[in-house]
Protein backbone atom coordinates (compact mmCIF):
# COMPACT_ATOMS: atom_id res chain seq x y z
CA MET A 1 22.64 278.38 160.25
CA GLU A 2 21.22 276.80 157.12
CA GLU A 3 23.00 277.86 153.93
CA LYS A 4 20.78 279.78 151.53
CA LYS A 5 20.25 277.79 148.33
CA GLU A 6 20.59 279.49 144.98
CA MET A 7 17.38 279.64 143.03
CA VAL A 8 17.27 277.26 140.06
CA ILE A 9 15.66 278.78 136.95
CA PRO A 10 14.25 276.17 134.56
CA ARG A 11 16.25 276.20 131.32
CA ASP A 12 13.19 276.09 129.07
CA ASP A 13 11.39 278.97 130.81
CA PHE A 14 11.51 282.44 129.25
CA VAL A 15 12.11 284.69 132.26
CA PHE A 16 12.37 288.38 133.01
CA ILE A 17 14.38 289.66 135.99
CA PRO A 18 14.72 293.35 136.88
CA LEU A 19 18.16 293.61 138.47
CA GLY A 20 17.66 297.36 138.87
CA GLY A 21 15.06 299.88 137.76
CA ALA A 22 11.98 298.19 139.24
CA THR A 23 11.95 299.59 142.75
CA GLY A 24 12.84 303.21 142.03
CA ILE A 25 13.93 305.75 139.44
CA GLY A 26 17.29 305.05 137.81
CA MET A 27 19.73 302.09 137.79
CA ASN A 28 17.90 300.48 134.88
CA PHE A 29 19.35 296.98 134.48
CA PHE A 30 17.22 294.11 133.19
CA ALA A 31 17.89 290.46 132.34
CA TYR A 32 16.01 288.11 130.03
CA GLY A 33 16.79 284.41 130.30
CA TYR A 34 16.01 281.58 127.90
CA GLN A 35 17.64 278.19 127.15
CA GLY A 36 20.48 278.93 129.55
CA LYS A 37 21.41 282.22 127.85
CA TRP A 38 21.02 285.76 129.15
CA LEU A 39 20.23 289.00 127.36
CA LEU A 40 20.82 292.21 129.32
CA VAL A 41 19.06 295.50 128.61
CA ASP A 42 20.53 298.80 129.83
CA CYS A 43 23.06 299.32 132.59
CA GLY A 44 22.46 302.64 134.32
CA VAL A 45 23.31 304.55 137.47
CA GLY A 46 21.17 306.06 140.19
CA PHE A 47 21.86 309.29 142.03
CA PRO A 48 22.29 309.39 145.82
CA GLY A 49 20.33 311.76 147.99
CA ASP A 50 21.61 313.76 150.94
CA GLY A 51 21.63 310.63 153.09
CA LEU A 52 24.69 309.21 151.33
CA PRO A 53 27.52 311.72 151.86
CA GLY A 54 30.55 311.23 149.65
CA VAL A 55 28.83 308.79 147.30
CA ASP A 56 29.08 309.80 143.63
CA VAL A 57 26.54 307.48 142.00
CA LEU A 58 24.69 304.25 142.75
CA LEU A 59 24.99 301.03 140.75
CA PRO A 60 22.85 297.91 140.47
CA ASN A 61 24.62 294.93 142.00
CA PRO A 62 25.37 292.34 139.26
CA VAL A 63 26.02 289.52 141.75
CA PHE A 64 23.37 287.27 140.15
CA LEU A 65 25.39 287.24 136.91
CA ALA A 66 28.73 286.48 138.56
CA ASP A 67 28.84 282.84 137.41
CA LYS A 68 26.99 283.42 134.12
CA LYS A 69 29.47 285.55 132.14
CA GLN A 70 29.95 282.89 129.50
CA ASP A 71 26.17 282.70 128.97
CA ILE A 72 25.53 286.44 128.50
CA VAL A 73 24.87 286.97 124.78
CA GLY A 74 24.99 290.76 125.00
CA LEU A 75 24.08 294.02 126.68
CA VAL A 76 21.64 296.00 124.51
CA ILE A 77 21.14 299.73 125.16
CA THR A 78 17.82 301.51 124.61
CA HIS A 79 19.20 305.08 124.78
CA ALA A 80 22.03 307.22 126.10
CA HIS A 81 20.76 308.67 129.37
CA GLU A 82 22.98 308.10 132.42
CA ASP A 83 20.37 306.01 134.19
CA HIS A 84 20.59 303.60 131.23
CA ILE A 85 24.33 303.64 130.33
CA GLY A 86 26.17 305.24 133.26
CA ALA A 87 27.07 301.98 135.05
CA ILE A 88 28.75 300.37 132.02
CA PRO A 89 32.34 301.48 132.82
CA HIS A 90 31.87 300.41 136.45
CA LEU A 91 30.31 296.99 135.81
CA TRP A 92 31.74 295.86 132.46
CA ARG A 93 34.55 293.91 134.15
CA ASP A 94 31.86 291.92 135.98
CA LEU A 95 29.88 291.28 132.80
CA GLN A 96 32.55 291.09 130.04
CA CYS A 97 29.92 290.78 127.33
CA PRO A 98 29.45 292.51 123.96
CA ILE A 99 27.61 295.86 124.06
CA TYR A 100 25.13 296.87 121.34
CA ALA A 101 23.89 300.43 120.85
CA THR A 102 22.73 302.77 118.10
CA PRO A 103 25.25 305.44 116.94
CA PHE A 104 24.56 308.28 119.39
CA ALA A 105 24.56 306.06 122.47
CA ALA A 106 27.62 304.21 121.17
CA GLU A 107 29.48 307.53 120.81
CA LEU A 108 28.87 308.40 124.46
CA ILE A 109 29.62 304.87 125.69
CA GLU A 110 32.90 304.92 123.77
CA SER A 111 33.86 308.14 125.54
CA LYS A 112 33.07 306.58 128.93
CA LEU A 113 35.06 303.45 128.11
CA ASN A 114 38.00 305.58 127.02
CA GLU A 115 37.96 307.54 130.29
CA SER A 116 37.86 304.25 132.23
CA GLY A 117 40.74 302.64 130.33
CA LEU A 118 38.40 300.05 128.79
CA LEU A 119 38.41 301.24 125.19
CA GLY A 120 39.63 298.38 123.04
CA ARG A 121 38.87 295.85 125.75
CA ALA A 122 35.09 296.16 125.80
CA ASP A 123 33.41 294.88 122.63
CA LEU A 124 31.22 297.83 121.59
CA ASN A 125 29.05 297.29 118.52
CA VAL A 126 27.09 299.97 116.62
CA VAL A 127 23.60 298.94 115.53
CA GLU A 128 21.76 300.97 112.92
CA ARG A 129 18.40 302.44 113.88
CA GLY A 130 15.42 300.30 112.94
CA SER A 131 17.59 297.24 112.29
CA GLU A 132 17.43 293.71 113.71
CA LEU A 133 20.03 291.95 115.80
CA GLU A 134 20.40 288.20 116.20
CA LEU A 135 21.78 287.06 119.55
CA PRO A 136 20.54 283.45 119.73
CA PRO A 137 18.22 282.42 121.22
CA PHE A 138 17.01 286.05 121.08
CA ASP A 139 16.17 288.16 118.03
CA ILE A 140 16.00 291.89 118.78
CA GLU A 141 14.32 294.53 116.64
CA PHE A 142 15.13 298.20 117.31
CA ILE A 143 12.05 300.47 117.13
CA SER A 144 12.47 304.26 116.93
CA MET A 145 10.70 306.20 119.69
CA CYS A 146 10.72 309.85 120.83
CA HIS A 147 12.43 311.10 123.98
CA SER A 148 14.61 314.01 125.10
CA ILE A 149 17.81 312.50 123.68
CA PRO A 150 18.63 311.24 120.18
CA GLU A 151 17.86 307.67 119.17
CA PRO A 152 15.61 306.35 121.93
CA ASN A 153 14.70 302.78 121.04
CA ALA A 154 12.10 300.31 122.11
CA LEU A 155 13.22 296.70 121.71
CA ALA A 156 11.10 293.86 120.38
CA ILE A 157 12.74 290.80 121.96
CA LYS A 158 11.59 287.73 120.06
CA THR A 159 11.85 284.08 121.14
CA PRO A 160 9.89 280.91 120.32
CA LYS A 161 8.06 281.53 123.61
CA GLY A 162 6.79 284.92 122.49
CA THR A 163 7.72 288.56 121.89
CA VAL A 164 8.43 291.11 124.61
CA VAL A 165 8.44 294.84 123.83
CA HIS A 166 10.82 296.73 126.12
CA THR A 167 10.12 300.45 125.69
CA GLY A 168 13.03 302.24 127.33
CA ASP A 169 11.97 305.88 127.91
CA TRP A 170 9.54 307.24 125.36
CA LYS A 171 6.72 309.47 124.20
CA LEU A 172 4.53 309.40 121.09
CA ASN A 173 5.63 312.85 119.91
CA GLN A 174 5.13 313.07 116.14
CA ASP A 175 6.66 316.56 115.84
CA PRO A 176 10.29 316.08 116.96
CA ILE A 177 12.79 318.90 116.50
CA LEU A 178 15.57 316.36 116.19
CA GLY A 179 15.63 312.70 115.18
CA GLN A 180 12.95 310.36 113.96
CA GLU A 181 9.28 310.12 114.79
CA THR A 182 7.96 307.23 116.86
CA ASP A 183 7.58 304.20 114.59
CA VAL A 184 3.88 303.70 115.28
CA GLU A 185 3.47 301.41 112.27
CA THR A 186 5.98 298.86 113.59
CA LEU A 187 4.33 298.94 117.03
CA LYS A 188 0.96 298.36 115.39
CA ASN A 189 2.28 295.40 113.35
CA LEU A 190 3.84 293.84 116.44
CA GLY A 191 0.47 294.10 118.19
CA LYS A 192 -1.25 292.36 115.30
CA ARG A 193 1.29 289.51 115.36
CA GLY A 194 0.94 289.17 119.13
CA VAL A 195 2.91 290.62 122.03
CA LEU A 196 3.44 288.43 125.07
CA ALA A 197 4.62 291.18 127.43
CA LEU A 198 5.21 294.92 127.56
CA VAL A 199 8.02 296.13 129.83
CA CYS A 200 7.21 299.82 130.04
CA ASP A 201 8.50 303.04 131.58
CA SER A 202 6.31 304.35 134.43
CA THR A 203 8.01 307.70 135.10
CA ASN A 204 5.14 309.91 134.01
CA VAL A 205 2.14 307.74 134.82
CA PHE A 206 0.74 310.55 137.01
CA GLY A 207 1.81 313.27 134.56
CA GLU A 208 -0.55 316.04 133.59
CA PRO A 209 -2.24 315.47 130.22
CA THR A 210 -0.49 317.68 127.67
CA THR A 211 0.06 317.83 123.95
CA ALA A 212 2.92 320.35 124.15
CA THR A 213 6.06 319.55 122.16
CA GLU A 214 9.66 320.73 121.83
CA SER A 215 8.46 322.94 118.97
CA ASP A 216 6.15 324.75 121.44
CA VAL A 217 9.09 325.30 123.80
CA GLN A 218 11.17 326.68 120.92
CA LYS A 219 8.42 329.16 120.01
CA THR A 220 8.16 330.34 123.63
CA LEU A 221 11.92 330.77 123.92
CA THR A 222 12.02 332.70 120.65
CA ASP A 223 9.42 335.14 121.98
CA LEU A 224 11.10 335.47 125.41
CA ILE A 225 14.55 336.15 123.98
CA GLY A 226 13.06 338.83 121.78
CA GLN A 227 11.70 340.66 124.85
CA TYR A 228 15.19 341.34 126.24
CA PRO A 229 17.24 342.60 123.27
CA ASP A 230 19.89 344.43 125.29
CA LYS A 231 20.29 341.95 128.15
CA GLN A 232 22.46 338.94 128.76
CA ILE A 233 20.37 335.77 128.66
CA ALA A 234 21.23 332.30 129.94
CA VAL A 235 19.11 329.20 129.43
CA THR A 236 19.79 326.20 131.64
CA CYS A 237 18.59 322.73 130.71
CA PHE A 238 19.53 319.07 131.02
CA ALA A 239 22.73 318.59 129.04
CA SER A 240 21.41 315.35 127.55
CA ASN A 241 18.38 317.09 126.06
CA VAL A 242 20.01 317.53 122.67
CA ALA A 243 16.69 318.45 121.04
CA ARG A 244 16.29 321.27 123.57
CA VAL A 245 19.80 322.54 122.84
CA LYS A 246 18.94 322.64 119.14
CA GLY A 247 15.66 324.42 119.88
CA ILE A 248 17.47 327.01 122.01
CA TYR A 249 19.95 327.56 119.18
CA GLN A 250 17.10 328.13 116.71
CA ALA A 251 15.42 330.56 119.12
CA ALA A 252 18.69 332.48 119.58
CA LYS A 253 19.34 332.55 115.83
CA ALA A 254 15.87 333.98 115.20
CA ASN A 255 16.83 336.86 117.48
CA GLY A 256 20.24 337.46 115.93
CA ARG A 257 22.23 335.89 118.77
CA ASP A 258 25.11 333.45 118.67
CA VAL A 259 25.21 330.65 121.23
CA CYS A 260 27.85 329.87 123.85
CA LEU A 261 27.93 326.54 125.71
CA MET A 262 28.96 326.59 129.38
CA GLY A 263 29.57 323.27 131.13
CA ARG A 264 31.58 320.13 130.35
CA SER A 265 28.57 317.85 129.97
CA LEU A 266 27.06 320.16 127.35
CA TRP A 267 30.27 320.12 125.33
CA ARG A 268 30.35 316.31 125.62
CA MET A 269 26.83 316.04 124.23
CA ASP A 270 27.69 318.56 121.52
CA ALA A 271 30.63 316.41 120.42
CA ALA A 272 28.45 313.27 120.26
CA ALA A 273 25.70 315.09 118.36
CA ARG A 274 28.18 316.41 115.78
CA ALA A 275 29.91 313.03 115.40
CA THR A 276 26.56 311.40 114.61
CA GLY A 277 25.27 314.15 112.33
CA TYR A 278 22.58 315.68 114.51
CA PHE A 279 24.21 319.13 114.57
CA HIS A 280 25.36 319.15 110.94
CA ASP A 281 23.38 322.35 110.29
CA ILE A 282 24.52 324.18 113.43
CA PRO A 283 27.78 326.19 113.39
CA GLU A 284 30.33 325.59 116.15
CA PHE A 285 29.20 327.04 119.46
CA LEU A 286 31.20 329.84 121.07
CA SER A 287 33.54 329.21 123.96
CA GLU A 288 33.13 331.35 127.06
CA ARG A 289 36.22 333.39 126.16
CA GLU A 290 34.92 334.02 122.62
CA ALA A 291 31.50 335.04 123.95
CA MET A 292 33.01 337.61 126.30
CA GLU A 293 34.49 339.42 123.32
CA ARG A 294 31.05 339.92 121.74
CA PRO A 295 28.79 342.93 122.45
CA VAL A 296 26.12 342.55 125.15
CA GLY A 297 22.87 341.27 123.70
CA THR A 298 24.47 339.34 120.83
CA VAL A 299 25.12 336.06 122.68
CA LEU A 300 22.85 333.54 124.37
CA TYR A 301 24.41 331.23 126.97
CA ILE A 302 23.31 327.61 127.42
CA CYS A 303 24.41 326.47 130.88
CA THR A 304 24.55 323.36 132.99
CA GLY A 305 23.15 323.67 136.52
CA SER A 306 19.40 323.38 136.11
CA GLN A 307 19.25 321.19 139.23
CA GLY A 308 21.22 323.57 141.43
CA GLU A 309 24.54 321.71 141.12
CA SER A 310 27.14 323.61 143.14
CA ARG A 311 29.95 323.21 140.58
CA SER A 312 27.90 323.92 137.48
CA ALA A 313 28.27 326.72 134.96
CA LEU A 314 25.11 328.41 136.23
CA ALA A 315 26.46 328.34 139.80
CA SER A 316 29.45 330.37 138.61
CA LEU A 317 27.06 332.94 137.10
CA SER A 318 25.34 333.27 140.49
CA THR A 319 28.46 334.53 142.30
CA ILE A 320 28.21 338.04 143.74
CA THR A 321 31.72 339.07 142.74
CA PRO A 322 32.95 338.58 139.17
CA ILE A 323 35.26 335.63 138.49
CA ARG A 324 38.32 336.53 136.44
CA ASN A 325 38.02 335.63 132.74
CA SER A 326 34.43 334.42 133.27
CA VAL A 327 31.03 335.66 132.16
CA TYR A 328 29.31 337.80 134.78
CA PHE A 329 25.55 338.26 135.12
CA GLY A 330 24.20 341.33 136.91
CA PRO A 331 21.01 343.33 137.47
CA ASP A 332 18.23 342.76 134.94
CA ASP A 333 20.06 339.95 133.11
CA VAL A 334 17.80 336.97 132.44
CA VAL A 335 18.09 333.31 133.43
CA ILE A 336 15.58 330.83 131.99
CA PHE A 337 15.19 327.43 133.68
CA SER A 338 14.19 325.22 130.75
CA SER A 339 13.84 322.08 132.86
CA ARG A 340 11.76 320.43 135.53
CA ILE A 341 12.73 320.02 139.17
CA ILE A 342 13.86 316.47 139.89
CA PRO A 343 12.45 315.44 143.31
CA GLY A 344 15.12 315.91 145.96
CA ASN A 345 16.73 318.91 144.24
CA GLU A 346 14.19 321.51 145.41
CA LYS A 347 16.44 323.08 148.06
CA ALA A 348 19.51 323.29 145.83
CA ILE A 349 17.54 324.90 142.99
CA ALA A 350 15.81 327.35 145.33
CA LEU A 351 19.18 328.38 146.80
CA LEU A 352 20.66 328.97 143.35
CA GLN A 353 17.63 331.01 142.26
CA ARG A 354 17.82 333.12 145.44
CA LYS A 355 21.46 333.92 144.68
CA LEU A 356 20.58 335.00 141.15
CA LYS A 357 17.66 337.12 142.36
CA ALA A 358 19.88 338.74 145.00
CA LYS A 359 22.04 340.01 142.14
CA GLY A 360 18.99 341.46 140.44
CA CYS A 361 18.67 338.78 137.74
CA LYS A 362 15.23 337.99 136.34
CA ILE A 363 14.29 334.30 136.72
CA ILE A 364 11.85 332.58 134.34
CA THR A 365 10.71 328.98 135.00
CA ASP A 366 8.10 326.61 133.62
CA ARG A 367 5.70 328.01 136.22
CA GLU A 368 5.54 331.29 134.30
CA GLU A 369 6.11 330.25 130.69
CA MET A 370 6.08 327.17 128.45
CA VAL A 371 9.86 326.70 128.64
CA HIS A 372 9.90 322.95 129.32
CA VAL A 373 8.05 319.80 128.31
CA SER A 374 8.74 316.31 129.57
CA GLY A 375 10.62 313.79 127.47
CA HIS A 376 8.30 311.10 128.82
CA TYR A 377 4.81 310.19 127.68
CA ALA A 378 1.81 312.21 128.81
CA GLY A 379 -1.90 312.40 128.17
CA GLN A 380 -3.22 309.44 126.20
CA ASP A 381 0.19 308.11 125.12
CA LEU A 382 0.29 305.27 127.66
CA GLN A 383 -3.17 304.03 126.80
CA GLN A 384 -2.38 304.31 123.10
CA ILE A 385 0.70 302.10 123.31
CA TYR A 386 -1.36 299.44 125.09
CA GLN A 387 -3.97 299.71 122.35
CA LEU A 388 -1.27 299.33 119.68
CA LEU A 389 0.52 296.36 121.26
CA MET A 390 -2.30 294.57 123.13
CA PRO A 391 0.13 292.68 125.43
CA LYS A 392 -0.94 289.73 127.54
CA ILE A 393 1.37 290.79 130.39
CA ALA A 394 2.11 294.31 131.65
CA LEU A 395 5.43 294.84 133.46
CA PRO A 396 5.77 298.42 134.70
CA VAL A 397 9.37 299.47 135.45
CA HIS A 398 11.36 302.68 136.01
CA GLY A 399 9.23 304.25 138.72
CA GLU A 400 8.54 304.40 142.44
CA SER A 401 6.20 301.83 143.99
CA LEU A 402 3.18 304.16 143.75
CA GLU A 403 3.82 304.71 140.03
CA LEU A 404 4.36 301.03 139.27
CA ASN A 405 1.15 300.01 141.00
CA GLU A 406 -0.86 302.72 139.26
CA HIS A 407 0.61 301.65 135.91
CA ALA A 408 -0.37 298.03 136.63
CA ARG A 409 -3.88 299.13 137.58
CA LEU A 410 -4.30 301.08 134.37
CA ALA A 411 -2.98 298.19 132.25
CA LYS A 412 -5.64 295.88 133.66
CA LYS A 413 -8.28 298.55 133.18
CA TRP A 414 -7.30 298.70 129.49
CA GLY A 415 -7.71 294.95 129.06
CA THR A 416 -4.30 293.46 129.79
CA PRO A 417 -4.96 290.10 131.50
CA TYR A 418 -1.87 290.10 133.75
CA ALA A 419 0.05 292.95 135.37
CA PHE A 420 2.97 292.67 137.79
CA ALA A 421 4.66 295.47 139.73
CA LEU A 422 7.83 293.48 140.32
CA GLU A 423 10.57 294.20 142.81
CA ASP A 424 14.22 294.05 141.85
CA GLY A 425 15.36 290.44 141.81
CA GLU A 426 11.95 288.84 141.31
CA VAL A 427 11.94 286.21 138.55
CA LEU A 428 8.87 286.17 136.33
CA ASN A 429 8.10 283.27 134.03
CA LEU A 430 6.90 284.83 130.76
CA SER A 431 4.21 282.49 129.54
CA GLU A 432 0.49 282.38 128.78
CA THR A 433 -0.01 281.94 132.53
CA PRO A 434 2.84 284.00 134.01
CA GLU A 435 4.01 283.48 137.58
CA ILE A 436 6.73 284.71 139.90
CA LEU A 437 9.16 281.81 140.35
CA GLY A 438 11.17 283.31 143.18
CA GLN A 439 13.82 285.93 143.80
CA VAL A 440 17.54 286.19 143.06
CA GLU A 441 20.12 288.26 144.89
CA THR A 442 20.32 291.92 143.93
CA GLY A 443 21.28 295.08 145.74
CA ILE A 444 22.82 298.51 145.37
CA LEU A 445 26.48 299.42 145.10
CA ALA A 446 27.93 302.86 145.81
CA VAL A 447 30.71 304.50 143.83
CA ASP A 448 32.75 306.20 146.54
CA GLY A 449 35.68 307.93 144.90
CA LYS A 450 37.82 305.17 143.39
CA GLN A 451 36.15 302.31 145.24
CA ILE A 452 32.85 300.50 144.82
CA LEU A 453 31.11 299.50 148.04
CA ARG A 454 27.95 297.69 148.98
CA LEU A 455 25.35 300.14 150.24
CA ASP A 456 25.17 298.16 153.49
CA SER A 457 28.97 298.16 153.91
CA GLU A 458 30.61 299.19 157.18
CA VAL A 459 32.13 302.28 155.54
CA ILE A 460 28.77 303.60 154.34
CA ARG A 461 27.01 302.61 157.55
CA LYS A 462 29.52 304.46 159.72
CA ARG A 463 29.50 307.53 157.50
CA ARG A 464 25.71 307.74 157.64
CA LYS A 465 25.79 307.33 161.40
CA MET A 466 28.37 310.12 161.67
CA MET A 467 26.14 312.37 159.57
CA ASP A 468 23.08 311.66 161.72
CA ASP A 469 24.60 311.56 165.22
CA GLY A 470 28.20 312.73 164.88
CA SER A 471 31.25 310.86 166.11
CA PHE A 472 33.04 310.55 169.42
CA VAL A 473 36.71 309.61 169.83
CA VAL A 474 38.44 309.13 173.19
CA THR A 475 42.14 308.37 173.68
CA LEU A 476 43.23 306.76 176.98
CA VAL A 477 46.63 305.88 178.36
CA VAL A 478 46.34 303.03 180.93
CA ASP A 479 49.17 301.32 182.81
CA ARG A 480 49.40 297.66 183.87
CA THR A 481 47.59 298.33 187.16
CA GLY A 482 44.59 299.87 185.40
CA THR A 483 45.45 303.44 186.35
CA VAL A 484 44.53 306.11 183.80
CA LEU A 485 47.61 308.24 183.20
CA GLY A 486 46.94 311.86 182.44
CA GLU A 487 43.61 313.15 181.16
CA PRO A 488 41.65 311.19 178.56
CA GLN A 489 41.60 313.16 175.28
CA ILE A 490 38.18 313.61 173.74
CA SER A 491 37.42 314.67 170.18
CA THR A 492 33.93 315.00 168.80
CA PHE A 493 32.58 315.89 165.36
CA GLY A 494 29.10 317.36 165.02
CA LEU A 495 28.20 316.53 168.62
CA LEU A 496 29.60 318.62 171.54
CA ASP A 497 30.84 322.19 171.76
CA THR A 498 34.58 322.32 172.39
CA ASP A 499 34.15 324.24 175.65
CA ASN A 500 31.34 322.06 176.96
CA GLU A 501 31.55 321.88 180.77
CA GLN A 502 30.07 318.39 180.81
CA LYS A 503 33.27 317.01 179.29
CA ALA A 504 34.89 317.09 182.73
CA GLU A 505 32.07 315.04 184.18
CA LEU A 506 32.33 312.47 181.38
CA ILE A 507 36.09 312.16 181.87
CA GLN A 508 35.57 311.51 185.55
CA ARG A 509 32.95 308.83 184.81
CA ILE A 510 35.39 307.10 182.45
CA LYS A 511 38.09 307.07 185.15
CA ASP A 512 35.67 305.79 187.76
CA GLN A 513 34.44 303.01 185.47
CA ILE A 514 37.99 301.77 184.77
CA ALA A 515 38.83 301.93 188.48
CA GLN A 516 35.85 299.63 189.21
CA LEU A 517 37.06 296.90 186.85
CA GLU A 518 38.05 293.60 188.40
CA PRO A 519 41.82 293.03 188.54
CA GLY A 520 41.45 290.15 186.09
CA ASP A 521 39.81 292.45 183.53
CA ILE A 522 42.63 294.99 183.47
CA ASP A 523 44.80 292.73 181.31
CA PHE A 524 42.19 292.57 178.52
CA ASN A 525 42.03 295.60 176.24
CA ASN A 526 38.62 294.59 174.86
CA ARG A 527 37.10 294.66 178.39
CA ILE A 528 38.44 298.16 179.04
CA ASP A 529 37.22 299.22 175.60
CA GLN A 530 33.72 297.88 176.27
CA ALA A 531 33.54 299.49 179.71
CA VAL A 532 34.51 302.89 178.31
CA ARG A 533 32.02 302.60 175.43
CA THR A 534 29.22 301.78 177.88
CA VAL A 535 29.94 304.90 179.95
CA ILE A 536 30.10 307.14 176.88
CA ARG A 537 26.94 305.65 175.38
CA LYS A 538 24.93 306.17 178.60
CA PHE A 539 26.29 309.69 179.09
CA LEU A 540 25.49 310.88 175.56
CA ASP A 541 22.03 309.34 175.65
CA GLU A 542 21.34 310.94 179.04
CA PHE A 543 22.40 314.48 178.13
CA TYR A 544 21.95 314.65 174.34
CA GLY A 545 19.71 311.80 173.24
CA LYS A 546 22.32 310.88 170.61
CA HIS A 547 23.96 307.61 169.64
CA PRO A 548 27.09 308.59 167.72
CA LEU A 549 29.84 306.51 166.22
CA ILE A 550 32.20 305.79 169.14
CA ASP A 551 35.90 304.99 168.78
CA VAL A 552 38.14 304.19 171.76
CA HIS A 553 41.91 304.50 171.30
CA LEU A 554 43.59 302.60 174.11
CA VAL A 555 47.31 303.03 174.73
CA ARG A 556 48.92 300.57 177.21
CA VAL A 557 52.15 301.36 179.04
């Protein structure tokens, strides 16, 4: 078999390689190469669906960078969402490069590094908002944007070959509750000076046109809370939406309520927001124990669990029987879902809402009231950023294939000469006549407890097979003559009923198959193993149409 040759990237080419984040939502991890040096942007996780049991999060595979550690000038972070920073503690040992982030993101990264035992080892550098960073041969300018978390930044990555604007996640909201407005003036000036390429978020390319803002959500929440003066009220939202948390606080305050946080991730965000000054005008939130001592109708609860997470704070409120020393919600209490449904979480959210309704709680979602707006661009925002920057090359990222292709189509419609919906690993030469040079190795890793596995590993493959078709284990005791001693012991998981009458027939088939082996085969365990597997496979296909994971335990005496 011919050995696969590693792709050679010309040293003088300015290249862009999505190592994650180009063929789906999450795992944002991008590399820019020039003059033998590499600049990395973001290092995030993805979240497994139901088809990956036991897997905590997904990681981009950094294999391409394995022999380039000494040439990585830095990892620059656009903002603090998990799909942009969550992989750092898992992959830093593979990268071992300096990390650069603005204060809020740096605060959360520091916490992650501390939990992973990397604090003091990883070189974490705080970059002030709107400043410039020199990492030769790259110069990086941080540009303030708007999003659902403090300090979202676009990056202007400047080289002698041209300037690339890498947006991160963004919207052109000029009425933020928290943080700075989008720096439209800097974007406009970059466009006038010339932008070679725009690497741009595609998450909301099909989003409904809307001009609603966080201020509109705050007004709605203020009105809603006022309608239930004598009831317990909980609002669930994404913990990272610090602006929403502040808006909920303001809405509660306007109605004479104090605020209690419920959920570890909310308290973590609260700590980061206070450390960086974003909550300087908000008094300390109540703990659950403190809130329980207050009269009904004087506290508003902000809870984790908007996506139906089974171990969230909101899940504990949905229990039928009260939990000792915990807040209990009952008939006519109100739960407001101030969030959108992330695709794949529909069933979990519906189940949680059914449990709350079964207790008599009133549920309010964004289907009934303006209680959520997206942190991503909508309406004319996407077209406006193209008009401001006027890039020669459009590089849609952070979206599914349908979204990336639609983004590329729109970019060309708006006058961008070149648009590429790249796949992870594809190497694009950023030039006046851009071209795909080839593809480098990428992939997905799975965090499985304390180990990190390739997604195509034997462990993951077998676990998925067990989930789909169950497993079948048979234990046989066979003597030197090939005689089966005693009854073969069969154990199945998710396949056969324990009292299934067909087990006897299968056991007899196994015995018959071993008895038919040639005398010369009896001495070879692998031949007995294969014969037994063949019988089991045919039997299960015949009666059940299943192809489970089969394990044969052979004991020789």
